[in-house]
Amino acid sequence: MNQLLRWIGRIAGLVGLLMCMAAVLVRASGSYVMGNFQVGTMLQAGMAVMILGCLAYLTVLVDGARD
């Protein structure tokens, strides 16, 4: 289970980082929309996915402390 949570944390962190970077780059180019989504929505979704990754890592740490 810990291995699965670690991989979820890694993948979620990477996806969230890429989403945030894409939102920042599109906004820096002067556009407010990327595809059908507003850039602010993409930034918030990226932050939410990164938080999911952090929570997955936190679960691994807490579970390891109990052993």
Protein backbone atom coordinates (compact mmCIF):
# COMPACT_ATOMS: atom_id res chain seq x y z
CA MET A 1 0.00 0.00 0.00
CA ASN A 2 2.83 2.37 0.83
CA GLN A 3 4.43 1.78 -2.56
CA LEU A 4 1.14 2.65 -4.27
CA LEU A 5 0.77 5.83 -2.22
CA ARG A 6 4.36 6.82 -3.00
CA TRP A 7 3.74 6.44 -6.73
CA ILE A 8 0.46 8.35 -6.46
CA GLY A 9 2.33 11.13 -4.64
CA ARG A 10 5.08 11.26 -7.26
CA ILE A 11 2.75 11.23 -10.24
CA ALA A 12 0.31 13.71 -8.71
CA GLY A 13 3.16 16.05 -7.81
CA LEU A 14 4.59 15.93 -11.32
CA VAL A 15 1.20 16.41 -13.01
CA GLY A 16 0.33 19.28 -10.67
CA LEU A 17 3.66 20.96 -11.30
CA LEU A 18 3.22 20.67 -15.06
CA MET A 19 -0.32 22.06 -14.88
CA CYS A 20 0.82 25.04 -12.81
CA MET A 21 3.75 25.71 -15.11
CA ALA A 22 1.51 25.55 -18.17
CA ALA A 23 -0.98 27.96 -16.57
CA VAL A 24 1.76 30.42 -15.66
CA LEU A 25 3.34 30.28 -19.12
CA VAL A 26 0.02 30.79 -20.90
CA ARG A 27 -0.85 33.70 -18.62
CA ALA A 28 2.60 35.23 -19.10
CA SER A 29 2.05 35.11 -22.85
CA GLY A 30 -0.99 37.34 -22.39
CA SER A 31 -3.83 34.85 -22.77
CA TYR A 32 -6.53 34.21 -20.20
CA VAL A 33 -7.78 30.97 -21.75
CA MET A 34 -6.06 27.66 -22.50
CA GLY A 35 -8.25 25.36 -24.55
CA ASN A 36 -11.69 25.67 -23.00
CA PHE A 37 -10.42 26.46 -19.49
CA GLN A 38 -9.52 29.73 -17.88
CA VAL A 39 -5.92 29.93 -16.74
CA GLY A 40 -6.92 30.51 -13.11
CA THR A 41 -8.90 27.29 -13.14
CA MET A 42 -5.89 25.40 -14.51
CA LEU A 43 -3.68 26.89 -11.78
CA GLN A 44 -6.12 25.90 -9.05
CA ALA A 45 -6.45 22.39 -10.46
CA GLY A 46 -2.67 22.07 -10.53
CA MET A 47 -2.43 23.17 -6.91
CA ALA A 48 -5.15 20.70 -5.92
CA VAL A 49 -3.31 17.82 -7.60
CA MET A 50 -0.07 18.80 -5.86
CA ILE A 51 -1.93 18.80 -2.52
CA LEU A 52 -3.16 15.29 -3.33
CA GLY A 53 0.46 14.25 -3.82
CA CYS A 54 1.45 15.83 -0.52
CA LEU A 55 -1.35 14.02 1.30
CA ALA A 56 -0.30 10.71 -0.24
CA TYR A 57 3.27 11.24 0.99
CA LEU A 58 1.99 12.29 4.41
CA THR A 59 -0.01 9.08 4.66
CA VAL A 60 3.14 7.08 3.89
CA LEU A 61 5.08 8.98 6.56
CA VAL A 62 2.38 8.54 9.22
CA ASP A 63 1.96 4.85 8.40
CA GLY A 64 5.72 4.36 8.65
CA ALA A 65 5.84 6.05 12.06
CA ARG A 66 3.32 3.57 13.45
CA ASP A 67 5.48 0.55 12.59
